[in-house]
Amino acid sequence: LFVCTRSTDLLICIGMLPIALSFLGGRNTGVLRDSAGVCHFWAVLWYILPYFSVAVVSVLSFTRTFTLMRPLSPLREGIVFGTLAAYMMFLVFRTVISLFLHPAVNFLYDRRTVMCVETVHLNKYEHY
């Protein structure tokens, strides 16, 4: 679980590099601004990784509590990692399916926040 936590945090830190480079370039340059595909991929990852990071820390806290309450009972690693894998699949499917089911959703580079933000283009007959 510690490796999973460190890997998730490392991916979050790597995901912040394009934002830092955009800030250093005066908000006018950067990987996110130059490519719509990269912006879209980054935004999807940015929706998934923080939720997964919280889930990993929650499972880690649960396993520590379980170990303190029952020190001689073995904890099944398959159940722990299966739970995390199922949650990751849920996050990926939820994000990808929501994007494909609503084609008006798009990710565009916002110069003010230096991030790719979700925008929804609605026609005049749609009300949400």
C-alpha atoms as a PDB file:
ATOM      1  CA  LEU A   1       0.000   0.000   0.000  1.00  0.00           C
ATOM      2  CA  PHE A   2       2.870   2.376   0.655  1.00  0.00           C
ATOM      3  CA  VAL A   3       4.145   1.862  -2.883  1.00  0.00           C
ATOM      4  CA  CYS A   4       0.662   2.549  -4.238  1.00  0.00           C
ATOM      5  CA  THR A   5       0.417   5.729  -2.151  1.00  0.00           C
ATOM      6  CA  ARG A   6       3.837   6.937  -3.282  1.00  0.00           C
ATOM      7  CA  SER A   7       3.086   6.111  -6.915  1.00  0.00           C
ATOM      8  CA  THR A   8      -0.197   8.029  -6.837  1.00  0.00           C
ATOM      9  CA  ASP A   9       1.442  11.022  -5.184  1.00  0.00           C
ATOM     10  CA  LEU A  10       4.284  10.893  -7.709  1.00  0.00           C
ATOM     11  CA  LEU A  11       1.801  10.944 -10.590  1.00  0.00           C
ATOM     12  CA  ILE A  12       0.050  13.935  -9.019  1.00  0.00           C
ATOM     13  CA  CYS A  13       3.398  15.751  -8.729  1.00  0.00           C
ATOM     14  CA  ILE A  14       4.291  14.913 -12.339  1.00  0.00           C
ATOM     15  CA  GLY A  15       0.853  16.174 -13.359  1.00  0.00           C
ATOM     16  CA  MET A  16       1.686  19.525 -11.811  1.00  0.00           C
ATOM     17  CA  LEU A  17       4.789  19.984 -13.993  1.00  0.00           C
ATOM     18  CA  PRO A  18       2.885  21.357 -17.028  1.00  0.00           C
ATOM     19  CA  ILE A  19       1.177  23.894 -14.776  1.00  0.00           C
ATOM     20  CA  ALA A  20       4.470  24.976 -13.218  1.00  0.00           C
ATOM     21  CA  LEU A  21       6.080  25.315 -16.656  1.00  0.00           C
ATOM     22  CA  SER A  22       3.131  27.390 -17.861  1.00  0.00           C
ATOM     23  CA  PHE A  23       3.488  29.717 -14.885  1.00  0.00           C
ATOM     24  CA  LEU A  24       7.211  30.060 -15.535  1.00  0.00           C
ATOM     25  CA  GLY A  25       6.511  30.834 -19.191  1.00  0.00           C
ATOM     26  CA  GLY A  26       4.194  33.696 -18.385  1.00  0.00           C
ATOM     27  CA  ARG A  27       1.014  31.628 -18.922  1.00  0.00           C
ATOM     28  CA  ASN A  28       1.439  31.865 -22.687  1.00  0.00           C
ATOM     29  CA  THR A  29       3.357  28.651 -23.328  1.00  0.00           C
ATOM     30  CA  GLY A  30       3.131  25.095 -22.216  1.00  0.00           C
ATOM     31  CA  VAL A  31       2.137  21.603 -23.146  1.00  0.00           C
ATOM     32  CA  LEU A  32      -1.468  22.038 -22.039  1.00  0.00           C
ATOM     33  CA  ARG A  33      -2.014  25.126 -24.176  1.00  0.00           C
ATOM     34  CA  ASP A  34      -0.455  23.734 -27.328  1.00  0.00           C
ATOM     35  CA  SER A  35      -2.342  20.457 -27.705  1.00  0.00           C
ATOM     36  CA  ALA A  36      -6.032  19.753 -27.214  1.00  0.00           C
ATOM     37  CA  GLY A  37      -5.377  16.007 -26.893  1.00  0.00           C
ATOM     38  CA  VAL A  38      -2.811  16.482 -24.131  1.00  0.00           C
ATOM     39  CA  CYS A  39      -5.157  18.888 -22.378  1.00  0.00           C
ATOM     40  CA  HIS A  40      -7.991  16.371 -22.532  1.00  0.00           C
ATOM     41  CA  PHE A  41      -5.802  13.500 -21.264  1.00  0.00           C
ATOM     42  CA  TRP A  42      -4.378  15.649 -18.452  1.00  0.00           C
ATOM     43  CA  ALA A  43      -7.831  16.773 -17.335  1.00  0.00           C
ATOM     44  CA  VAL A  44      -9.151  13.198 -17.202  1.00  0.00           C
ATOM     45  CA  LEU A  45      -6.137  12.132 -15.129  1.00  0.00           C
ATOM     46  CA  TRP A  46      -6.584  15.145 -12.899  1.00  0.00           C
ATOM     47  CA  TYR A  47     -10.183  14.077 -12.204  1.00  0.00           C
ATOM     48  CA  ILE A  48      -9.149  10.509 -11.356  1.00  0.00           C
ATOM     49  CA  LEU A  49      -5.887  10.796  -9.378  1.00  0.00           C
ATOM     50  CA  PRO A  50      -7.029  12.878  -6.371  1.00  0.00           C
ATOM     51  CA  TYR A  51     -10.006  10.578  -5.745  1.00  0.00           C
ATOM     52  CA  PHE A  52      -7.787   7.517  -6.007  1.00  0.00           C
ATOM     53  CA  SER A  53      -5.229   9.061  -3.655  1.00  0.00           C
ATOM     54  CA  VAL A  54      -7.903   9.588  -1.003  1.00  0.00           C
ATOM     55  CA  ALA A  55      -9.115   6.010  -1.478  1.00  0.00           C
ATOM     56  CA  VAL A  56      -5.602   4.594  -1.025  1.00  0.00           C
ATOM     57  CA  VAL A  57      -5.083   6.568   2.182  1.00  0.00           C
ATOM     58  CA  SER A  58      -8.497   5.413   3.439  1.00  0.00           C
ATOM     59  CA  VAL A  59      -7.686   1.766   2.755  1.00  0.00           C
ATOM     60  CA  LEU A  60      -4.294   2.234   4.414  1.00  0.00           C
ATOM     61  CA  SER A  61      -5.988   3.666   7.517  1.00  0.00           C
ATOM     62  CA  PHE A  62      -8.472   0.793   7.552  1.00  0.00           C
ATOM     63  CA  THR A  63      -5.734  -1.832   7.318  1.00  0.00           C
ATOM     64  CA  ARG A  64      -3.796  -0.183  10.137  1.00  0.00           C
ATOM     65  CA  THR A  65      -6.898  -0.136  12.346  1.00  0.00           C
ATOM     66  CA  PHE A  66      -7.643  -3.775  11.489  1.00  0.00           C
ATOM     67  CA  THR A  67      -4.077  -4.775  12.344  1.00  0.00           C
ATOM     68  CA  LEU A  68      -4.228  -2.962  15.689  1.00  0.00           C
ATOM     69  CA  MET A  69      -7.558  -4.537  16.602  1.00  0.00           C
ATOM     70  CA  ARG A  70      -6.603  -8.060  15.476  1.00  0.00           C
ATOM     71  CA  PRO A  71      -2.812  -8.324  15.479  1.00  0.00           C
ATOM     72  CA  LEU A  72      -2.745 -12.099  14.966  1.00  0.00           C
ATOM     73  CA  SER A  73      -5.316 -12.224  12.138  1.00  0.00           C
ATOM     74  CA  PRO A  74      -3.758 -12.078   8.706  1.00  0.00           C
ATOM     75  CA  LEU A  75      -5.084  -9.468   6.331  1.00  0.00           C
ATOM     76  CA  ARG A  76      -5.799 -10.776   2.849  1.00  0.00           C
ATOM     77  CA  GLU A  77      -3.840  -8.703   0.380  1.00  0.00           C
ATOM     78  CA  GLY A  78      -6.027  -9.839  -2.494  1.00  0.00           C
ATOM     79  CA  ILE A  79      -9.092  -8.227  -0.951  1.00  0.00           C
ATOM     80  CA  VAL A  80      -7.254  -4.978  -0.265  1.00  0.00           C
ATOM     81  CA  PHE A  81      -5.754  -4.624  -3.736  1.00  0.00           C
ATOM     82  CA  GLY A  82      -8.923  -5.948  -5.365  1.00  0.00           C
ATOM     83  CA  THR A  83     -10.886  -3.181  -3.652  1.00  0.00           C
ATOM     84  CA  LEU A  84      -8.442  -0.547  -4.908  1.00  0.00           C
ATOM     85  CA  ALA A  85      -8.464  -1.992  -8.425  1.00  0.00           C
ATOM     86  CA  ALA A  86     -12.269  -2.038  -8.478  1.00  0.00           C
ATOM     87  CA  TYR A  87     -12.408   1.576  -7.303  1.00  0.00           C
ATOM     88  CA  MET A  88      -9.868   2.638  -9.938  1.00  0.00           C
ATOM     89  CA  MET A  89     -11.909   0.900 -12.641  1.00  0.00           C
ATOM     90  CA  PHE A  90     -15.029   2.642 -11.337  1.00  0.00           C
ATOM     91  CA  LEU A  91     -13.299   6.042 -11.529  1.00  0.00           C
ATOM     92  CA  VAL A  92     -12.013   5.428 -15.043  1.00  0.00           C
ATOM     93  CA  PHE A  93     -15.335   4.133 -16.349  1.00  0.00           C
ATOM     94  CA  ARG A  94     -17.286   6.919 -14.658  1.00  0.00           C
ATOM     95  CA  THR A  95     -15.068   9.588 -16.145  1.00  0.00           C
ATOM     96  CA  VAL A  96     -14.781   8.108 -19.628  1.00  0.00           C
ATOM     97  CA  ILE A  97     -18.454   7.179 -19.917  1.00  0.00           C
ATOM     98  CA  SER A  98     -19.603  10.587 -18.721  1.00  0.00           C
ATOM     99  CA  LEU A  99     -17.429  12.217 -21.362  1.00  0.00           C
ATOM    100  CA  PHE A 100     -18.706   9.989 -24.163  1.00  0.00           C
ATOM    101  CA  LEU A 101     -22.359  10.188 -23.124  1.00  0.00           C
ATOM    102  CA  HIS A 102     -22.313  13.958 -23.109  1.00  0.00           C
ATOM    103  CA  PRO A 103     -20.475  15.058 -26.254  1.00  0.00           C
ATOM    104  CA  ALA A 104     -20.887  18.738 -25.342  1.00  0.00           C
ATOM    105  CA  VAL A 105     -18.248  18.330 -22.609  1.00  0.00           C
ATOM    106  CA  ASN A 106     -14.851  19.570 -23.685  1.00  0.00           C
ATOM    107  CA  PHE A 107     -11.619  20.502 -21.950  1.00  0.00           C
ATOM    108  CA  LEU A 108     -10.015  23.791 -22.851  1.00  0.00           C
ATOM    109  CA  TYR A 109      -6.921  25.570 -21.617  1.00  0.00           C
ATOM    110  CA  ASP A 110      -7.778  28.423 -19.248  1.00  0.00           C
ATOM    111  CA  ARG A 111      -5.045  31.055 -19.255  1.00  0.00           C
ATOM    112  CA  ARG A 112      -6.215  32.509 -15.930  1.00  0.00           C
ATOM    113  CA  THR A 113      -5.864  29.249 -13.963  1.00  0.00           C
ATOM    114  CA  VAL A 114      -3.214  27.707 -16.263  1.00  0.00           C
ATOM    115  CA  MET A 115      -5.188  24.462 -16.234  1.00  0.00           C
ATOM    116  CA  CYS A 116      -7.418  22.531 -18.585  1.00  0.00           C
ATOM    117  CA  VAL A 117     -10.948  23.123 -17.385  1.00  0.00           C
ATOM    118  CA  GLU A 118     -14.167  21.389 -18.257  1.00  0.00           C
ATOM    119  CA  THR A 119     -16.520  23.375 -20.436  1.00  0.00           C
ATOM    120  CA  VAL A 120     -20.003  22.412 -21.527  1.00  0.00           C
ATOM    121  CA  HIS A 121     -21.415  23.791 -24.735  1.00  0.00           C
ATOM    122  CA  LEU A 122     -25.194  23.835 -24.518  1.00  0.00           C
ATOM    123  CA  ASN A 123     -27.519  24.856 -27.259  1.00  0.00           C
ATOM    124  CA  LYS A 124     -30.416  27.181 -26.481  1.00  0.00           C
ATOM    125  CA  TYR A 125     -32.889  24.292 -26.079  1.00  0.00           C
ATOM    126  CA  GLU A 126     -30.988  22.376 -23.397  1.00  0.00           C
ATOM    127  CA  HIS A 127     -31.479  23.229 -19.747  1.00  0.00           C
ATOM    128  CA  TYR A 128     -29.339  21.766 -16.971  1.00  0.00           C
END
